[in-house]
Amino acid sequence: VADDEKAKLLLFPFISGGMLAVAAWCKPFANTQAEILDFLEMSLLSFRFVLFSAVCMLLIFNPSPEATYAVAGTLALLLAGICAYFGLHVLVQILRTTADESSEEEDFETP
């Protein structure tokens, strides 16, 4: 598609942005649980777009090591935040399921 190597690098963020746009438009998951799967998918697709764009920028412009470390640290913190958010929702879902099961057992035992 592109002859220049730098132009080929720009295809990755472009494709990633296209996938983000398609997912935002279609919202493929059900609207249960406050649309949490849609939100997590949008968060992860947005992170992938930012990651590809940042790596492309770093490879094309070849900044100083300090700037590279700053971008890498920012990306690592962003990914850690998204993973912590995902882990929090997994924990909440486990607690909600456990609470529902114990509530059903109490209803079953009550005459």
Foldseek 3Di string as FASTA:
>chain_A
DDDDPLVVLVVQLVVLVVVLVVCVVCVPDDCPPVSVVSVLVNLVSVLSSLVSVVVSCCVVVVDDPVVVVVSVVVSVVSVVVSVVVVVVVVVVVVVVVVVVVVVVVVVVPDD
